[in-house]
Amino acid sequence: MEPTIARGDHIVADMWCYRARPPGRFEVAILKHENLLLVKRIIAVEGDTIEAKDNRVFINGQMIREAYVQHTGRATERIRTFEPIRIAKGQVFVMGDNRDVSYDSRMAEFGPVPVESIVGKPLFIYKSDADRTGRTLR
């Protein structure tokens, strides 16, 4: 999730947030995947169609602007470009902000995420080895 969350950041999270409402597009969320807690950004929600062409992401045919994304230049073609995917009911499509190295919904073995696997919402960084204390997560 770099640069949004860096290695060594300690975060405060709301673990009740998504029990009261569904997760929204572009929110940063904590999800449980294969018994691991991961932090990813929700890019598309149920009913959306998402695709990518040369690192540009389109939702429902509209290119989205993502100032939070970092590209390191190490991306493979299968994550830089993918065919349209319609997000099923009860699922979301997640991606990491460090797009070229993120393990996320673009991979067939990961895929769209069931909403019930989203367990929390990071609120802010309270301590960081990178000296980024107090940075709000958006």
C-alpha atoms as a PDB file:
ATOM      1  CA  MET A   1       0.000   0.000   0.000  1.00  0.00           C
ATOM      2  CA  GLU A   2       2.989   2.334  -0.258  1.00  0.00           C
ATOM      3  CA  PRO A   3       3.092   5.273  -0.327  1.00  0.00           C
ATOM      4  CA  THR A   4      -0.227   5.432   1.602  1.00  0.00           C
ATOM      5  CA  ILE A   5       0.953   3.009   4.281  1.00  0.00           C
ATOM      6  CA  ALA A   6       4.670   2.261   4.573  1.00  0.00           C
ATOM      7  CA  ARG A   7       6.480  -0.697   6.104  1.00  0.00           C
ATOM      8  CA  GLY A   8       6.784   0.032   9.816  1.00  0.00           C
ATOM      9  CA  ASP A   9       3.629   2.160  10.042  1.00  0.00           C
ATOM     10  CA  HIS A  10       1.324   1.423  12.965  1.00  0.00           C
ATOM     11  CA  ILE A  11      -2.313   2.198  12.283  1.00  0.00           C
ATOM     12  CA  VAL A  12      -5.493   2.719  14.246  1.00  0.00           C
ATOM     13  CA  ALA A  13      -8.473   1.007  12.684  1.00  0.00           C
ATOM     14  CA  ASP A  14     -12.233   0.973  13.120  1.00  0.00           C
ATOM     15  CA  MET A  15     -13.158  -2.711  13.213  1.00  0.00           C
ATOM     16  CA  TRP A  16     -16.923  -1.965  13.414  1.00  0.00           C
ATOM     17  CA  CYS A  17     -17.287   0.463  10.500  1.00  0.00           C
ATOM     18  CA  TYR A  18     -18.444  -1.996   7.860  1.00  0.00           C
ATOM     19  CA  ARG A  19     -20.930  -3.707  10.142  1.00  0.00           C
ATOM     20  CA  ALA A  20     -23.011  -0.514   9.939  1.00  0.00           C
ATOM     21  CA  ARG A  21     -22.589   0.204   6.224  1.00  0.00           C
ATOM     22  CA  PRO A  22     -21.115  -1.354   3.091  1.00  0.00           C
ATOM     23  CA  PRO A  23     -17.589  -0.404   2.016  1.00  0.00           C
ATOM     24  CA  GLY A  24     -17.369   2.333  -0.589  1.00  0.00           C
ATOM     25  CA  ARG A  25     -15.363   2.848  -3.733  1.00  0.00           C
ATOM     26  CA  PHE A  26     -11.808   4.198  -3.128  1.00  0.00           C
ATOM     27  CA  GLU A  27     -11.875   3.511   0.622  1.00  0.00           C
ATOM     28  CA  VAL A  28      -8.854   1.871   2.221  1.00  0.00           C
ATOM     29  CA  ALA A  29      -9.944  -1.312   3.993  1.00  0.00           C
ATOM     30  CA  ILE A  30      -8.562  -4.171   6.056  1.00  0.00           C
ATOM     31  CA  LEU A  31      -9.560  -7.552   4.704  1.00  0.00           C
ATOM     32  CA  LYS A  32      -8.988 -11.135   5.661  1.00  0.00           C
ATOM     33  CA  HIS A  33      -7.549 -13.217   2.824  1.00  0.00           C
ATOM     34  CA  GLU A  34      -6.230 -16.750   3.344  1.00  0.00           C
ATOM     35  CA  ASN A  35      -5.950 -16.143   7.120  1.00  0.00           C
ATOM     36  CA  LEU A  36      -3.904 -12.955   6.619  1.00  0.00           C
ATOM     37  CA  LEU A  37      -5.010  -9.401   7.337  1.00  0.00           C
ATOM     38  CA  LEU A  38      -4.246  -7.205   4.325  1.00  0.00           C
ATOM     39  CA  VAL A  39      -4.748  -3.508   3.669  1.00  0.00           C
ATOM     40  CA  LYS A  40      -6.016  -2.683   0.178  1.00  0.00           C
ATOM     41  CA  ARG A  41      -7.988   0.043  -1.566  1.00  0.00           C
ATOM     42  CA  ILE A  42     -11.493  -0.763  -2.789  1.00  0.00           C
ATOM     43  CA  ILE A  43     -11.549   0.250  -6.433  1.00  0.00           C
ATOM     44  CA  ALA A  44     -14.867  -1.169  -7.641  1.00  0.00           C
ATOM     45  CA  VAL A  45     -18.048  -2.256  -5.857  1.00  0.00           C
ATOM     46  CA  GLU A  46     -20.866  -4.593  -6.821  1.00  0.00           C
ATOM     47  CA  GLY A  47     -22.418  -3.767 -10.169  1.00  0.00           C
ATOM     48  CA  ASP A  48     -19.322  -1.906 -11.426  1.00  0.00           C
ATOM     49  CA  THR A  49     -17.347  -2.993 -14.467  1.00  0.00           C
ATOM     50  CA  ILE A  50     -13.592  -2.490 -14.081  1.00  0.00           C
ATOM     51  CA  GLU A  51     -10.793  -2.832 -16.616  1.00  0.00           C
ATOM     52  CA  ALA A  52      -7.255  -1.567 -17.104  1.00  0.00           C
ATOM     53  CA  LYS A  53      -5.322  -0.503 -20.168  1.00  0.00           C
ATOM     54  CA  ASP A  54      -1.600   0.228 -19.780  1.00  0.00           C
ATOM     55  CA  ASN A  55      -1.874   1.120 -16.061  1.00  0.00           C
ATOM     56  CA  ARG A  56      -4.974   3.259 -16.563  1.00  0.00           C
ATOM     57  CA  VAL A  57      -8.013   1.983 -14.664  1.00  0.00           C
ATOM     58  CA  PHE A  58     -11.553   2.412 -15.963  1.00  0.00           C
ATOM     59  CA  ILE A  59     -14.732   1.984 -13.941  1.00  0.00           C
ATOM     60  CA  ASN A  60     -17.950   1.763 -15.933  1.00  0.00           C
ATOM     61  CA  GLY A  61     -16.045   3.063 -18.966  1.00  0.00           C
ATOM     62  CA  GLN A  62     -14.662   6.166 -17.211  1.00  0.00           C
ATOM     63  CA  MET A  63     -10.945   6.508 -16.500  1.00  0.00           C
ATOM     64  CA  ILE A  64     -10.323   7.205 -12.819  1.00  0.00           C
ATOM     65  CA  ARG A  65      -7.633   9.502 -11.474  1.00  0.00           C
ATOM     66  CA  GLU A  66      -5.561   7.955  -8.731  1.00  0.00           C
ATOM     67  CA  ALA A  67      -3.124  10.387  -7.127  1.00  0.00           C
ATOM     68  CA  TYR A  68      -2.381   7.822  -4.398  1.00  0.00           C
ATOM     69  CA  VAL A  69      -0.922   5.233  -6.819  1.00  0.00           C
ATOM     70  CA  GLN A  70       2.787   4.485  -7.021  1.00  0.00           C
ATOM     71  CA  HIS A  71       4.372   2.781 -10.041  1.00  0.00           C
ATOM     72  CA  THR A  72       7.839   1.288  -9.715  1.00  0.00           C
ATOM     73  CA  GLY A  73       8.056   0.099 -13.311  1.00  0.00           C
ATOM     74  CA  ARG A  74       8.212  -3.591 -12.395  1.00  0.00           C
ATOM     75  CA  ALA A  75       4.653  -4.487 -13.409  1.00  0.00           C
ATOM     76  CA  THR A  76       3.928  -7.461 -15.608  1.00  0.00           C
ATOM     77  CA  GLU A  77       1.552  -7.061 -18.528  1.00  0.00           C
ATOM     78  CA  ARG A  78      -1.156  -9.107 -16.783  1.00  0.00           C
ATOM     79  CA  ILE A  79      -1.514  -6.475 -14.051  1.00  0.00           C
ATOM     80  CA  ARG A  80      -1.004  -3.411 -16.270  1.00  0.00           C
ATOM     81  CA  THR A  81      -3.839  -4.411 -18.582  1.00  0.00           C
ATOM     82  CA  PHE A  82      -6.856  -6.632 -17.937  1.00  0.00           C
ATOM     83  CA  GLU A  83     -10.178  -7.257 -19.645  1.00  0.00           C
ATOM     84  CA  PRO A  84     -13.445  -5.875 -18.240  1.00  0.00           C
ATOM     85  CA  ILE A  85     -14.671  -7.617 -15.089  1.00  0.00           C
ATOM     86  CA  ARG A  86     -18.202  -7.089 -13.759  1.00  0.00           C
ATOM     87  CA  ILE A  87     -18.247  -7.120  -9.962  1.00  0.00           C
ATOM     88  CA  ALA A  88     -20.853  -9.538  -8.616  1.00  0.00           C
ATOM     89  CA  LYS A  89     -23.304  -8.829  -5.830  1.00  0.00           C
ATOM     90  CA  GLY A  90     -21.625  -8.998  -2.422  1.00  0.00           C
ATOM     91  CA  GLN A  91     -18.111  -8.490  -3.802  1.00  0.00           C
ATOM     92  CA  VAL A  92     -15.569  -5.694  -4.260  1.00  0.00           C
ATOM     93  CA  PHE A  93     -12.429  -5.357  -6.385  1.00  0.00           C
ATOM     94  CA  VAL A  94      -9.351  -4.312  -4.392  1.00  0.00           C
ATOM     95  CA  MET A  95      -5.914  -3.106  -5.443  1.00  0.00           C
ATOM     96  CA  GLY A  96      -2.840  -1.971  -3.576  1.00  0.00           C
ATOM     97  CA  ASP A  97      -1.571   1.581  -4.041  1.00  0.00           C
ATOM     98  CA  ASN A  98       1.886   0.256  -4.961  1.00  0.00           C
ATOM     99  CA  ARG A  99       0.377  -1.155  -8.152  1.00  0.00           C
ATOM    100  CA  ASP A 100       3.387  -2.792  -9.752  1.00  0.00           C
ATOM    101  CA  VAL A 101       4.020  -5.184  -6.862  1.00  0.00           C
ATOM    102  CA  SER A 102       0.621  -5.570  -5.194  1.00  0.00           C
ATOM    103  CA  TYR A 103      -1.041  -8.975  -4.799  1.00  0.00           C
ATOM    104  CA  ASP A 104      -4.698  -8.112  -5.312  1.00  0.00           C
ATOM    105  CA  SER A 105      -7.944  -8.663  -7.248  1.00  0.00           C
ATOM    106  CA  ARG A 106      -6.150  -8.420 -10.596  1.00  0.00           C
ATOM    107  CA  MET A 107      -4.680 -11.883 -10.015  1.00  0.00           C
ATOM    108  CA  ALA A 108      -6.923 -14.861 -10.848  1.00  0.00           C
ATOM    109  CA  GLU A 109      -5.853 -16.630  -7.637  1.00  0.00           C
ATOM    110  CA  PHE A 110      -6.957 -13.599  -5.552  1.00  0.00           C
ATOM    111  CA  GLY A 111      -9.929 -12.245  -7.506  1.00  0.00           C
ATOM    112  CA  PRO A 112     -12.775 -10.039  -6.305  1.00  0.00           C
ATOM    113  CA  VAL A 113     -13.261 -10.114  -2.540  1.00  0.00           C
ATOM    114  CA  PRO A 114     -16.465 -11.040  -0.689  1.00  0.00           C
ATOM    115  CA  VAL A 115     -17.695  -8.028   1.292  1.00  0.00           C
ATOM    116  CA  GLU A 116     -17.899 -10.158   4.434  1.00  0.00           C
ATOM    117  CA  SER A 117     -14.101 -10.628   4.334  1.00  0.00           C
ATOM    118  CA  ILE A 118     -13.639  -6.880   4.904  1.00  0.00           C
ATOM    119  CA  VAL A 119     -13.103  -6.548   8.636  1.00  0.00           C
ATOM    120  CA  GLY A 120     -12.050  -2.948   9.249  1.00  0.00           C
ATOM    121  CA  LYS A 121     -11.193   0.530   8.062  1.00  0.00           C
ATOM    122  CA  PRO A 122      -7.765   2.062   8.801  1.00  0.00           C
ATOM    123  CA  LEU A 123      -8.231   5.541  10.273  1.00  0.00           C
ATOM    124  CA  PHE A 124      -4.778   7.018  10.741  1.00  0.00           C
ATOM    125  CA  ILE A 125      -1.105   6.257  11.231  1.00  0.00           C
ATOM    126  CA  TYR A 126      -0.213   6.841  14.863  1.00  0.00           C
ATOM    127  CA  LYS A 127       3.410   5.728  14.777  1.00  0.00           C
ATOM    128  CA  SER A 128       5.814   5.211  11.933  1.00  0.00           C
ATOM    129  CA  ASP A 129       9.381   4.097  11.521  1.00  0.00           C
ATOM    130  CA  ALA A 130       9.274   6.378   8.456  1.00  0.00           C
ATOM    131  CA  ASP A 131       8.437   9.409  10.679  1.00  0.00           C
ATOM    132  CA  ARG A 132       4.968   9.943   9.207  1.00  0.00           C
ATOM    133  CA  THR A 133       3.116  10.225  12.513  1.00  0.00           C
ATOM    134  CA  GLY A 134      -0.465  11.467  12.454  1.00  0.00           C
ATOM    135  CA  ARG A 135      -1.076  11.091   8.714  1.00  0.00           C
ATOM    136  CA  THR A 136      -4.764  10.574   7.960  1.00  0.00           C
ATOM    137  CA  LEU A 137      -5.613   7.707   5.595  1.00  0.00           C
ATOM    138  CA  ARG A 138      -7.926   8.545   2.705  1.00  0.00           C
END
